[in-house]
Amino acid sequence: MASGLSSPDLYPMSGGDGPNSYFQNSVRQKSIVEATKEMINEAIRDKLALNSPSNAFNIADFGCSVGPNTFIAVQNIIEAVELKYHGNHQNHQSLEFQVFFNDHTNNDFNTLFKNLHHNRSCKFFAAGVPGTFHGRLFPKSSLHFGHSSFALQWLSETLTEVLDTKSPAWNKGSIHCTGFHTEVAEAYSSQFKNDMETFLNARAQELVKGGLLVIIMPALQDGVLLSQSSIGMTYDLLGSCLQNMAKSGIISEEKVEAFNLRIYISPAKDLEALLQRNGFFSVEKIDRITSNMNITTLTAQFLTSQLRAITEELIKGHFGSEIVDAVFELFNIKLSENWFSIIDTKNQKFMDLFIILRRNFSD
């Protein structure tokens, strides 16, 4: 692992429930999860292929963070399962739900369960499962339903080659995979493919035959490079803030060059091909999600807070906590100056996908 690059196990989303927390600043993700309610209903009604569930129905949310979005997803799943088995089984009232909330070992599970206790509107047994989902977390054939929302675009490992000044994949001048440099894009893409295969293979061991795995994640429109999309422009803007601070002597240029976000947004066609190649699941549906969030009503400060909740711990871990306020104050200024080019719907060029995978009955 390259020195100075933050580890995902050490730096999760911003914890707590204060003004800079992920709990308070994941509104866009919440709107997407809420928009999938009917999709979840249809998936469970038409695709969940369990002859007769036992009294316990086990659900896992992989990459749960601190809430509240995981609670919305879980409630949607439970309501759909109850609706399905209400008509099919006379003993549906005896069905009990066990929900496993999974995230990195340093995720703020205290905030998660504090808010679960206050806000839970449906009854289920809850347990936290700390650890990486790029590997086994549960016994074989123990889960009926798996869910993961906005987590799988995060890579599991440090890409040492993008930090190596002697490597063709050195990502000089950028903090993410812009898509403009072939060697850098290939390094990110290769790691993403490995991570997805590892994730799917682990879930294949844990899910019962006929069980469902739902994935919500962003993808690029075909032929679009990440820096040509609004989300890529946002990362570029954050990188320019760090570079400006380095030129001012606030942080070192070496520190900036050693900082790369472990995020990879796959082209939609590549993601679909990867899913189709996996032999343990059938791809039941890949659909674009349309949320009711009106991006034209957003403000630069709102989007700055959203980005801060996602990246603050990474920046603290790499550069130190003393620069965080200055970074995002500068980012807010730059975002305001470039607002119309970034918020323009013609520049979105990415989509949020709803993916349904069903565990095959034969391996």
Protein backbone atom coordinates (compact mmCIF):
# COMPACT_ATOMS: atom_id res chain seq x y z
CA MET A 1 0.00 0.00 0.00
CA ALA A 2 1.34 3.37 -0.96
CA SER A 3 2.33 5.61 1.90
CA GLY A 4 -0.11 8.38 2.72
CA LEU A 5 -3.11 7.07 0.77
CA SER A 6 -6.19 6.62 2.86
CA SER A 7 -7.70 3.19 3.43
CA PRO A 8 -11.46 2.68 3.02
CA ASP A 9 -11.52 0.72 6.27
CA LEU A 10 -10.15 3.75 8.10
CA TYR A 11 -12.13 6.54 6.47
CA PRO A 12 -15.85 5.87 5.97
CA MET A 13 -18.57 8.48 5.40
CA SER A 14 -18.67 11.33 7.94
CA GLY A 15 -20.18 9.98 11.13
CA GLY A 16 -22.52 11.44 13.73
CA ASP A 17 -25.70 13.29 12.86
CA GLY A 18 -24.38 16.86 12.94
CA PRO A 19 -24.48 19.45 10.14
CA ASN A 20 -21.52 17.95 8.23
CA SER A 21 -22.50 14.30 8.70
CA TYR A 22 -23.50 11.85 6.00
CA PHE A 23 -26.70 11.30 7.97
CA GLN A 24 -27.71 14.92 7.29
CA ASN A 25 -26.13 15.21 3.83
CA SER A 26 -27.20 12.24 1.73
CA VAL A 27 -30.41 13.70 0.37
CA ARG A 28 -29.70 12.78 -3.23
CA GLN A 29 -29.00 9.17 -2.30
CA LYS A 30 -32.19 9.17 -0.25
CA SER A 31 -34.24 10.37 -3.22
CA ILE A 32 -32.86 7.52 -5.34
CA VAL A 33 -33.62 4.88 -2.69
CA GLU A 34 -37.14 6.25 -2.27
CA ALA A 35 -37.64 6.13 -6.05
CA THR A 36 -36.91 2.39 -6.09
CA LYS A 37 -39.81 1.43 -3.80
CA GLU A 38 -42.05 0.18 -6.61
CA MET A 39 -39.08 -1.48 -8.30
CA ILE A 40 -38.41 -3.39 -5.07
CA ASN A 41 -42.07 -4.39 -4.89
CA GLU A 42 -42.01 -5.74 -8.43
CA ALA A 43 -38.69 -7.52 -7.95
CA ILE A 44 -39.86 -9.36 -4.85
CA ARG A 45 -43.30 -10.09 -6.27
CA ASP A 46 -42.06 -11.42 -9.61
CA LYS A 47 -38.47 -12.57 -9.10
CA LEU A 48 -38.03 -13.77 -5.52
CA ALA A 49 -38.18 -17.54 -5.98
CA LEU A 50 -38.43 -19.12 -2.53
CA ASN A 51 -40.74 -22.11 -2.21
CA SER A 52 -41.62 -21.29 1.37
CA PRO A 53 -39.45 -19.14 3.63
CA SER A 54 -38.79 -20.35 7.14
CA ASN A 55 -39.97 -18.24 10.04
CA ALA A 56 -36.87 -16.09 9.65
CA PHE A 57 -36.30 -13.97 6.54
CA ASN A 58 -32.72 -12.67 6.46
CA ILE A 59 -31.81 -9.38 4.80
CA ALA A 60 -28.38 -7.74 4.50
CA ASP A 61 -27.60 -4.19 3.43
CA PHE A 62 -24.00 -3.98 2.22
CA GLY A 63 -22.48 -0.51 2.72
CA CYS A 64 -25.20 0.75 5.07
CA SER A 65 -23.29 3.80 6.38
CA VAL A 66 -25.02 5.65 9.26
CA GLY A 67 -28.55 6.02 7.90
CA PRO A 68 -31.20 7.14 7.29
CA ASN A 69 -31.23 5.73 3.74
CA THR A 70 -30.55 2.16 4.81
CA PHE A 71 -33.68 2.23 7.00
CA ILE A 72 -35.81 3.32 4.03
CA ALA A 73 -34.40 0.52 1.87
CA VAL A 74 -34.97 -2.10 4.56
CA GLN A 75 -38.52 -0.96 5.19
CA ASN A 76 -39.31 -1.13 1.46
CA ILE A 77 -37.93 -4.69 1.30
CA ILE A 78 -39.84 -5.89 4.34
CA GLU A 79 -43.13 -4.38 3.18
CA ALA A 80 -42.74 -6.03 -0.22
CA VAL A 81 -41.94 -9.43 1.30
CA GLU A 82 -44.93 -9.23 3.62
CA LEU A 83 -47.16 -8.26 0.70
CA LYS A 84 -45.91 -11.21 -1.38
CA TYR A 85 -46.41 -13.81 1.32
CA HIS A 86 -49.65 -12.34 2.63
CA GLY A 87 -51.45 -13.88 -0.32
CA ASN A 88 -49.33 -17.02 -0.68
CA HIS A 89 -49.01 -18.35 2.87
CA GLN A 90 -51.58 -18.61 5.60
CA ASN A 91 -48.87 -18.44 8.26
CA HIS A 92 -47.40 -15.17 7.00
CA GLN A 93 -47.90 -13.51 10.38
CA SER A 94 -45.24 -15.77 11.88
CA LEU A 95 -42.61 -14.51 9.43
CA GLU A 96 -39.87 -12.67 11.32
CA PHE A 97 -37.18 -10.47 9.81
CA GLN A 98 -33.49 -10.40 10.66
CA VAL A 99 -31.64 -7.43 9.17
CA PHE A 100 -27.86 -7.24 9.01
CA PHE A 101 -26.31 -3.79 8.57
CA ASN A 102 -22.84 -4.07 7.06
CA ASP A 103 -20.11 -1.49 6.52
CA HIS A 104 -16.42 -0.84 7.18
CA THR A 105 -15.06 -1.59 10.63
CA ASN A 106 -14.78 2.14 11.42
CA ASN A 107 -18.27 3.00 10.25
CA ASP A 108 -20.22 4.95 12.88
CA PHE A 109 -22.45 2.09 13.99
CA ASN A 110 -23.32 4.02 17.19
CA THR A 111 -25.12 6.69 15.17
CA LEU A 112 -26.68 4.03 12.95
CA PHE A 113 -28.27 2.14 15.81
CA LYS A 114 -29.16 5.25 17.79
CA ASN A 115 -31.24 6.51 14.88
CA LEU A 116 -32.59 3.05 14.15
CA HIS A 117 -33.96 2.89 17.69
CA HIS A 118 -35.69 6.27 17.33
CA ASN A 119 -36.97 5.98 13.76
CA ARG A 120 -37.78 2.33 13.10
CA SER A 121 -41.38 2.07 11.89
CA CYS A 122 -41.42 -1.68 11.23
CA LYS A 123 -40.40 -4.52 13.48
CA PHE A 124 -37.26 -6.53 12.78
CA PHE A 125 -34.25 -7.88 14.58
CA ALA A 126 -31.13 -5.86 13.82
CA ALA A 127 -27.42 -6.64 13.92
CA GLY A 128 -24.30 -4.80 12.80
CA VAL A 129 -21.76 -6.69 10.70
CA PRO A 130 -18.48 -4.74 10.44
CA GLY A 131 -16.05 -5.69 7.69
CA THR A 132 -15.42 -5.38 3.98
CA PHE A 133 -18.05 -6.79 1.64
CA HIS A 134 -15.26 -7.78 -0.74
CA GLY A 135 -15.29 -11.19 0.90
CA ARG A 136 -17.53 -13.54 2.87
CA LEU A 137 -19.47 -12.10 5.79
CA PHE A 138 -22.23 -14.68 6.37
CA PRO A 139 -22.64 -18.47 6.48
CA LYS A 140 -23.42 -20.32 3.29
CA SER A 141 -27.03 -20.05 2.05
CA SER A 142 -28.09 -17.90 5.01
CA LEU A 143 -29.46 -14.78 3.27
CA HIS A 144 -32.72 -14.40 1.37
CA PHE A 145 -32.18 -10.84 0.15
CA GLY A 146 -29.10 -8.70 -0.33
CA HIS A 147 -29.08 -4.96 -0.99
CA SER A 148 -26.34 -2.45 -1.75
CA SER A 149 -26.82 1.21 -2.57
CA PHE A 150 -24.09 3.64 -3.71
CA ALA A 151 -21.29 1.50 -2.29
CA LEU A 152 -19.83 -0.62 -5.07
CA GLN A 153 -18.27 2.30 -6.96
CA TRP A 154 -15.72 2.50 -4.12
CA LEU A 155 -12.64 0.40 -4.87
CA SER A 156 -11.25 -2.01 -2.29
CA GLU A 157 -7.55 -1.41 -2.77
CA THR A 158 -5.00 1.31 -3.31
CA LEU A 159 -3.96 1.61 -6.95
CA THR A 160 -0.23 1.90 -6.38
CA GLU A 161 0.50 2.27 -10.09
CA VAL A 162 -1.44 5.55 -10.35
CA LEU A 163 0.83 7.01 -7.65
CA ASP A 164 4.09 5.71 -9.10
CA THR A 165 5.88 8.50 -10.96
CA LYS A 166 7.69 5.87 -13.07
CA SER A 167 4.51 4.05 -14.06
CA PRO A 168 2.69 4.68 -17.36
CA ALA A 169 -0.46 4.80 -15.22
CA TRP A 170 0.79 7.69 -13.04
CA ASN A 171 -2.25 9.89 -12.51
CA LYS A 172 -0.39 13.19 -12.51
CA GLY A 173 -2.52 16.27 -12.02
CA SER A 174 -5.75 14.50 -11.07
CA ILE A 175 -7.35 13.03 -7.94
CA HIS A 176 -9.63 10.57 -9.75
CA CYS A 177 -10.05 8.53 -12.92
CA THR A 178 -10.84 11.29 -15.41
CA GLY A 179 -11.02 8.84 -18.31
CA PHE A 180 -8.66 10.91 -20.46
CA HIS A 181 -5.58 8.78 -19.78
CA THR A 182 -5.83 5.22 -21.10
CA GLU A 183 -3.38 3.61 -18.67
CA VAL A 184 -5.04 5.23 -15.65
CA ALA A 185 -8.50 4.23 -16.83
CA GLU A 186 -7.33 0.65 -17.41
CA ALA A 187 -5.90 0.44 -13.89
CA TYR A 188 -9.12 1.68 -12.32
CA SER A 189 -11.27 -0.51 -14.56
CA SER A 190 -9.24 -3.63 -13.79
CA GLN A 191 -9.55 -3.09 -10.04
CA PHE A 192 -13.29 -2.43 -10.36
CA LYS A 193 -13.81 -5.66 -12.29
CA ASN A 194 -11.87 -7.63 -9.68
CA ASP A 195 -13.86 -6.02 -6.87
CA MET A 196 -17.21 -6.72 -8.51
CA GLU A 197 -16.30 -10.34 -9.15
CA THR A 198 -15.17 -10.77 -5.55
CA PHE A 199 -18.35 -9.16 -4.25
CA LEU A 200 -20.63 -11.28 -6.45
CA ASN A 201 -18.80 -14.51 -5.68
CA ALA A 202 -19.08 -13.88 -1.94
CA ARG A 203 -22.79 -13.06 -2.18
CA ALA A 204 -23.34 -16.19 -4.28
CA GLN A 205 -22.13 -18.28 -1.34
CA GLU A 206 -24.31 -16.43 1.16
CA LEU A 207 -27.61 -16.19 -0.72
CA VAL A 208 -30.06 -19.07 -0.87
CA LYS A 209 -30.98 -20.43 -4.30
CA GLY A 210 -33.66 -18.16 -5.77
CA GLY A 211 -32.73 -15.28 -3.45
CA LEU A 212 -32.32 -11.75 -4.76
CA LEU A 213 -29.50 -9.24 -4.78
CA VAL A 214 -30.40 -5.62 -5.58
CA ILE A 215 -27.65 -3.16 -6.47
CA ILE A 216 -28.05 0.59 -6.90
CA MET A 217 -25.04 2.33 -8.38
CA PRO A 218 -24.05 5.10 -10.78
CA ALA A 219 -22.86 4.39 -14.33
CA LEU A 220 -21.67 6.53 -17.21
CA GLN A 221 -23.56 6.87 -20.42
CA ASP A 222 -21.89 5.02 -23.28
CA GLY A 223 -18.98 6.90 -24.84
CA VAL A 224 -18.74 9.45 -22.00
CA LEU A 225 -15.55 10.00 -19.99
CA LEU A 226 -15.98 10.71 -16.29
CA SER A 227 -14.58 14.25 -16.51
CA GLN A 228 -17.15 15.00 -19.21
CA SER A 229 -19.96 14.34 -16.73
CA SER A 230 -21.20 16.58 -13.94
CA ILE A 231 -19.94 14.20 -11.25
CA GLY A 232 -16.49 14.12 -12.85
CA MET A 233 -16.45 17.90 -13.15
CA THR A 234 -17.16 18.04 -9.42
CA TYR A 235 -14.18 15.82 -8.61
CA ASP A 236 -11.99 17.90 -10.93
CA LEU A 237 -13.08 21.02 -9.07
CA LEU A 238 -12.16 19.47 -5.72
CA GLY A 239 -8.77 18.53 -7.17
CA SER A 240 -8.19 22.07 -8.35
CA CYS A 241 -8.86 23.34 -4.81
CA LEU A 242 -6.17 21.06 -3.43
CA GLN A 243 -3.77 22.12 -6.16
CA ASN A 244 -4.42 25.81 -5.40
CA MET A 245 -3.72 25.18 -1.72
CA ALA A 246 -0.48 23.44 -2.66
CA LYS A 247 0.61 26.41 -4.78
CA SER A 248 -0.12 28.66 -1.78
CA GLY A 249 2.08 26.51 0.43
CA ILE A 250 -0.75 25.38 2.69
CA ILE A 251 -0.19 21.73 1.78
CA SER A 252 2.61 20.08 -0.13
CA GLU A 253 2.44 19.26 -3.81
CA GLU A 254 3.68 15.76 -2.99
CA LYS A 255 0.66 15.21 -0.75
CA VAL A 256 -1.69 16.29 -3.52
CA GLU A 257 0.00 14.03 -6.07
CA ALA A 258 -0.38 11.11 -3.63
CA PHE A 259 -4.12 11.66 -3.17
CA ASN A 260 -6.49 9.73 -5.43
CA LEU A 261 -10.15 9.00 -4.80
CA ARG A 262 -10.85 5.28 -4.95
CA ILE A 263 -14.01 5.81 -6.96
CA TYR A 264 -14.70 4.28 -10.34
CA ILE A 265 -17.89 5.01 -12.30
CA SER A 266 -18.18 2.27 -14.90
CA PRO A 267 -19.66 2.74 -18.36
CA ALA A 268 -23.12 1.15 -18.30
CA LYS A 269 -22.34 -1.32 -21.09
CA ASP A 270 -19.17 -2.54 -19.34
CA LEU A 271 -21.05 -3.03 -16.08
CA GLU A 272 -23.79 -5.03 -17.78
CA ALA A 273 -21.24 -7.24 -19.54
CA LEU A 274 -19.48 -7.88 -16.23
CA LEU A 275 -22.73 -8.90 -14.54
CA GLN A 276 -23.72 -11.15 -17.42
CA ARG A 277 -20.40 -13.02 -17.20
CA ASN A 278 -20.96 -14.05 -13.60
CA GLY A 279 -22.13 -17.64 -13.52
CA PHE A 280 -23.85 -17.60 -10.14
CA PHE A 281 -26.59 -15.04 -10.85
CA SER A 282 -29.09 -14.36 -13.58
CA VAL A 283 -29.49 -10.70 -14.49
CA GLU A 284 -33.20 -10.14 -14.10
CA LYS A 285 -33.29 -6.40 -14.67
CA ILE A 286 -31.08 -3.37 -15.27
CA ASP A 287 -33.09 -0.18 -15.31
CA ARG A 288 -32.44 3.51 -14.98
CA ILE A 289 -33.76 5.19 -11.83
CA THR A 290 -35.61 8.47 -12.08
CA SER A 291 -35.87 10.36 -8.80
CA ASN A 292 -38.20 13.22 -8.00
CA MET A 293 -35.33 15.46 -6.90
CA ASN A 294 -35.30 18.75 -8.82
CA ILE A 295 -31.64 19.58 -9.41
CA THR A 296 -32.49 23.06 -10.70
CA THR A 297 -33.52 24.07 -7.15
CA LEU A 298 -30.17 23.06 -5.62
CA THR A 299 -27.55 25.50 -4.38
CA ALA A 300 -23.76 25.43 -4.40
CA GLN A 301 -23.69 25.27 -0.60
CA PHE A 302 -26.04 22.28 -0.62
CA LEU A 303 -23.86 20.32 -3.05
CA THR A 304 -20.72 21.34 -1.18
CA SER A 305 -22.17 19.85 2.01
CA GLN A 306 -23.10 16.66 0.17
CA LEU A 307 -19.56 16.23 -1.17
CA ARG A 308 -18.02 17.07 2.19
CA ALA A 309 -19.99 14.30 3.90
CA ILE A 310 -18.54 11.80 1.42
CA THR A 311 -14.91 12.96 1.25
CA GLU A 312 -14.19 14.77 4.53
CA GLU A 313 -12.76 11.75 6.34
CA LEU A 314 -10.55 10.91 3.34
CA ILE A 315 -9.17 14.45 3.27
CA LYS A 316 -8.64 14.50 7.04
CA GLY A 317 -6.81 11.21 6.94
CA HIS A 318 -4.50 12.29 4.13
CA PHE A 319 -3.91 16.01 4.72
CA GLY A 320 -4.97 16.56 8.33
CA SER A 321 -8.14 17.97 9.85
CA GLU A 322 -6.88 21.57 9.98
CA ILE A 323 -7.38 22.17 6.23
CA VAL A 324 -10.86 20.70 5.83
CA ASP A 325 -12.89 23.89 6.36
CA ALA A 326 -10.62 25.84 3.99
CA VAL A 327 -10.88 23.17 1.29
CA PHE A 328 -14.65 23.21 1.22
CA GLU A 329 -14.92 26.99 1.55
CA LEU A 330 -12.78 27.27 -1.57
CA PHE A 331 -14.73 24.49 -3.26
CA ASN A 332 -18.01 26.32 -2.58
CA ILE A 333 -16.60 29.49 -4.17
CA LYS A 334 -15.39 27.61 -7.25
CA LEU A 335 -18.63 25.66 -7.54
CA SER A 336 -20.61 28.91 -7.46
CA GLU A 337 -18.42 30.32 -10.23
CA ASN A 338 -18.87 27.21 -12.39
CA TRP A 339 -22.42 26.48 -11.30
CA PHE A 340 -24.29 26.60 -14.59
CA SER A 341 -21.84 24.39 -16.48
CA ILE A 342 -21.89 21.72 -13.76
CA ILE A 343 -25.60 21.78 -12.92
CA ASP A 344 -26.68 21.89 -16.57
CA THR A 345 -28.75 18.74 -17.19
CA LYS A 346 -27.03 18.30 -20.58
CA ASN A 347 -23.80 17.69 -18.66
CA GLN A 348 -25.13 15.04 -16.29
CA LYS A 349 -24.14 12.19 -18.65
CA PHE A 350 -24.39 9.55 -15.95
CA MET A 351 -27.27 7.50 -14.62
CA ASP A 352 -28.25 5.67 -11.47
CA LEU A 353 -28.99 2.02 -12.21
CA PHE A 354 -31.31 -0.41 -10.44
CA ILE A 355 -29.97 -3.94 -10.89
CA ILE A 356 -31.76 -7.16 -9.93
CA LEU A 357 -29.73 -10.36 -9.72
CA ARG A 358 -31.25 -13.71 -8.78
CA ARG A 359 -29.18 -16.54 -7.31
CA ASN A 360 -29.18 -19.44 -9.75
CA PHE A 361 -30.64 -22.75 -8.68
CA SER A 362 -27.65 -24.57 -10.18
CA ASP A 363 -24.03 -23.43 -9.89
